[in-house]
Amino acid sequence: PNATGEQKTKPTQNTVRELRGLGLSPDLIMCRCATALENSVKDKISMFCHVEPEQVICVHDVSSIYKVPLLLEQQGVCGFLTRRLNMPMETRPRRMLTKWKEMSDR
């Protein structure tokens, strides 16, 4: 909530608790927020939602929607999914991300 001026973890904790009650356990927690998550907030979500800190992903506001894939790559989402789904990725996508970055900068 923006009204408080600080980042809150309770809504995320409550949602994950409800999901676990339904038998669902998250592999990743994507936090949509106006600014990047503070490390203390990320650690708190990690601790109370029983996931590793690298499984808490911050999807904060960026200047263009085309920068979102780059943001996710910076936070290791592609690597996590590659390992979790046991799908080895070749090095070619790195080149594609370089081209994507050039396009997003334009």
C-alpha atoms as a PDB file:
ATOM      1  CA  PRO A   1       0.000   0.000   0.000  1.00  0.00           C
ATOM      2  CA  ASN A   2       1.362   3.416  -1.012  1.00  0.00           C
ATOM      3  CA  ALA A   3      -0.512   5.280   1.708  1.00  0.00           C
ATOM      4  CA  THR A   4       1.823   4.075   4.463  1.00  0.00           C
ATOM      5  CA  GLY A   5       5.020   5.153   2.734  1.00  0.00           C
ATOM      6  CA  GLU A   6       6.740   1.895   3.634  1.00  0.00           C
ATOM      7  CA  GLN A   7       6.847  -1.572   2.137  1.00  0.00           C
ATOM      8  CA  LYS A   8       4.509  -4.045   3.835  1.00  0.00           C
ATOM      9  CA  THR A   9       4.908  -7.836   3.887  1.00  0.00           C
ATOM     10  CA  LYS A  10       1.672  -8.892   5.608  1.00  0.00           C
ATOM     11  CA  PRO A  11      -0.497  -9.025   2.434  1.00  0.00           C
ATOM     12  CA  THR A  12       2.035 -11.347   0.802  1.00  0.00           C
ATOM     13  CA  GLN A  13       2.373 -13.501   3.915  1.00  0.00           C
ATOM     14  CA  ASN A  14      -1.411 -13.851   4.237  1.00  0.00           C
ATOM     15  CA  THR A  15      -1.836 -14.756   0.571  1.00  0.00           C
ATOM     16  CA  VAL A  16       0.894 -17.413   0.697  1.00  0.00           C
ATOM     17  CA  ARG A  17      -0.640 -18.842   3.898  1.00  0.00           C
ATOM     18  CA  GLU A  18      -4.029 -19.131   2.145  1.00  0.00           C
ATOM     19  CA  LEU A  19      -2.432 -20.801  -0.883  1.00  0.00           C
ATOM     20  CA  ARG A  20      -0.633 -23.302   1.350  1.00  0.00           C
ATOM     21  CA  GLY A  21      -3.989 -24.042   3.011  1.00  0.00           C
ATOM     22  CA  LEU A  22      -5.277 -25.004  -0.440  1.00  0.00           C
ATOM     23  CA  GLY A  23      -2.301 -27.291  -1.008  1.00  0.00           C
ATOM     24  CA  LEU A  24      -0.307 -24.927  -3.239  1.00  0.00           C
ATOM     25  CA  SER A  25       3.299 -24.137  -2.450  1.00  0.00           C
ATOM     26  CA  PRO A  26       5.006 -21.302  -4.384  1.00  0.00           C
ATOM     27  CA  ASP A  27       8.294 -21.775  -6.201  1.00  0.00           C
ATOM     28  CA  LEU A  28       8.612 -18.031  -6.813  1.00  0.00           C
ATOM     29  CA  ILE A  29       6.976 -15.043  -5.189  1.00  0.00           C
ATOM     30  CA  MET A  30       6.708 -12.072  -7.524  1.00  0.00           C
ATOM     31  CA  CYS A  31       6.218  -8.810  -5.642  1.00  0.00           C
ATOM     32  CA  ARG A  32       4.742  -5.992  -7.688  1.00  0.00           C
ATOM     33  CA  CYS A  33       5.714  -2.620  -6.204  1.00  0.00           C
ATOM     34  CA  ALA A  34       6.508   0.984  -7.087  1.00  0.00           C
ATOM     35  CA  THR A  35      10.166   0.814  -6.019  1.00  0.00           C
ATOM     36  CA  ALA A  36      12.668  -2.011  -5.676  1.00  0.00           C
ATOM     37  CA  LEU A  37      12.206  -4.140  -2.561  1.00  0.00           C
ATOM     38  CA  GLU A  38      14.516  -3.410   0.319  1.00  0.00           C
ATOM     39  CA  ASN A  39      16.687  -6.379   1.326  1.00  0.00           C
ATOM     40  CA  SER A  40      15.115  -6.489   4.782  1.00  0.00           C
ATOM     41  CA  VAL A  41      11.633  -6.767   3.228  1.00  0.00           C
ATOM     42  CA  LYS A  42      12.810  -9.463   0.829  1.00  0.00           C
ATOM     43  CA  ASP A  43      14.380 -11.406   3.706  1.00  0.00           C
ATOM     44  CA  LYS A  44      11.213 -11.108   5.788  1.00  0.00           C
ATOM     45  CA  ILE A  45       9.018 -12.412   2.943  1.00  0.00           C
ATOM     46  CA  SER A  46      11.504 -15.233   2.417  1.00  0.00           C
ATOM     47  CA  MET A  47      11.492 -16.214   6.078  1.00  0.00           C
ATOM     48  CA  PHE A  48       7.736 -16.103   6.674  1.00  0.00           C
ATOM     49  CA  CYS A  49       6.765 -17.640   3.315  1.00  0.00           C
ATOM     50  CA  HIS A  50       9.335 -20.457   3.534  1.00  0.00           C
ATOM     51  CA  VAL A  51      11.200 -19.746   0.288  1.00  0.00           C
ATOM     52  CA  GLU A  52      14.805 -18.787  -0.362  1.00  0.00           C
ATOM     53  CA  PRO A  53      15.557 -15.045  -0.738  1.00  0.00           C
ATOM     54  CA  GLU A  54      16.427 -15.568  -4.421  1.00  0.00           C
ATOM     55  CA  GLN A  55      12.901 -16.913  -4.900  1.00  0.00           C
ATOM     56  CA  VAL A  56      11.425 -13.537  -3.913  1.00  0.00           C
ATOM     57  CA  ILE A  57      11.382 -11.462  -7.092  1.00  0.00           C
ATOM     58  CA  CYS A  58      10.748  -7.732  -7.200  1.00  0.00           C
ATOM     59  CA  VAL A  59       8.846  -6.466 -10.228  1.00  0.00           C
ATOM     60  CA  HIS A  60       9.050  -2.738  -9.597  1.00  0.00           C
ATOM     61  CA  ASP A  61       7.981   0.095 -11.863  1.00  0.00           C
ATOM     62  CA  VAL A  62      10.229   0.632 -14.877  1.00  0.00           C
ATOM     63  CA  SER A  63      10.156   3.243 -17.618  1.00  0.00           C
ATOM     64  CA  SER A  64       8.957   0.808 -20.297  1.00  0.00           C
ATOM     65  CA  ILE A  65       7.228  -2.562 -20.325  1.00  0.00           C
ATOM     66  CA  TYR A  66      10.043  -3.794 -22.581  1.00  0.00           C
ATOM     67  CA  LYS A  67      12.431  -3.519 -19.625  1.00  0.00           C
ATOM     68  CA  VAL A  68      10.500  -6.055 -17.527  1.00  0.00           C
ATOM     69  CA  PRO A  69      12.142  -9.163 -19.102  1.00  0.00           C
ATOM     70  CA  LEU A  70      15.551  -7.587 -18.437  1.00  0.00           C
ATOM     71  CA  LEU A  71      14.551  -6.909 -14.838  1.00  0.00           C
ATOM     72  CA  LEU A  72      13.503 -10.536 -14.386  1.00  0.00           C
ATOM     73  CA  GLU A  73      16.740 -11.792 -15.955  1.00  0.00           C
ATOM     74  CA  GLN A  74      18.803  -9.570 -13.623  1.00  0.00           C
ATOM     75  CA  GLN A  75      17.113 -11.223 -10.655  1.00  0.00           C
ATOM     76  CA  GLY A  76      17.838 -14.738 -11.903  1.00  0.00           C
ATOM     77  CA  VAL A  77      14.334 -15.824 -12.922  1.00  0.00           C
ATOM     78  CA  CYS A  78      15.530 -17.490 -16.147  1.00  0.00           C
ATOM     79  CA  GLY A  79      18.234 -19.433 -14.318  1.00  0.00           C
ATOM     80  CA  PHE A  80      15.812 -20.504 -11.606  1.00  0.00           C
ATOM     81  CA  LEU A  81      13.225 -21.734 -14.126  1.00  0.00           C
ATOM     82  CA  THR A  82      15.915 -23.532 -16.119  1.00  0.00           C
ATOM     83  CA  ARG A  83      17.031 -25.431 -13.011  1.00  0.00           C
ATOM     84  CA  ARG A  84      13.521 -25.999 -11.620  1.00  0.00           C
ATOM     85  CA  LEU A  85      12.129 -27.321 -14.906  1.00  0.00           C
ATOM     86  CA  ASN A  86      15.360 -29.197 -15.684  1.00  0.00           C
ATOM     87  CA  MET A  87      15.580 -27.587 -19.125  1.00  0.00           C
ATOM     88  CA  PRO A  88      19.169 -26.812 -20.084  1.00  0.00           C
ATOM     89  CA  MET A  89      19.405 -23.515 -21.936  1.00  0.00           C
ATOM     90  CA  GLU A  90      22.011 -22.763 -24.517  1.00  0.00           C
ATOM     91  CA  THR A  91      24.021 -19.529 -24.552  1.00  0.00           C
ATOM     92  CA  ARG A  92      22.069 -18.112 -27.496  1.00  0.00           C
ATOM     93  CA  PRO A  93      19.379 -16.424 -25.335  1.00  0.00           C
ATOM     94  CA  ARG A  94      22.103 -14.157 -23.902  1.00  0.00           C
ATOM     95  CA  ARG A  95      22.620 -12.721 -27.385  1.00  0.00           C
ATOM     96  CA  MET A  96      18.885 -12.322 -27.753  1.00  0.00           C
ATOM     97  CA  LEU A  97      18.738 -10.431 -24.440  1.00  0.00           C
ATOM     98  CA  THR A  98      21.469  -8.090 -25.683  1.00  0.00           C
ATOM     99  CA  LYS A  99      19.357  -7.310 -28.743  1.00  0.00           C
ATOM    100  CA  TRP A 100      16.286  -6.951 -26.503  1.00  0.00           C
ATOM    101  CA  LYS A 101      18.156  -4.449 -24.299  1.00  0.00           C
ATOM    102  CA  GLU A 102      19.126  -2.391 -27.341  1.00  0.00           C
ATOM    103  CA  MET A 103      15.503  -2.369 -28.489  1.00  0.00           C
ATOM    104  CA  SER A 104      14.183  -1.435 -25.041  1.00  0.00           C
ATOM    105  CA  ASP A 105      16.666   1.444 -24.783  1.00  0.00           C
ATOM    106  CA  ARG A 106      15.313   2.871 -28.041  1.00  0.00           C
END
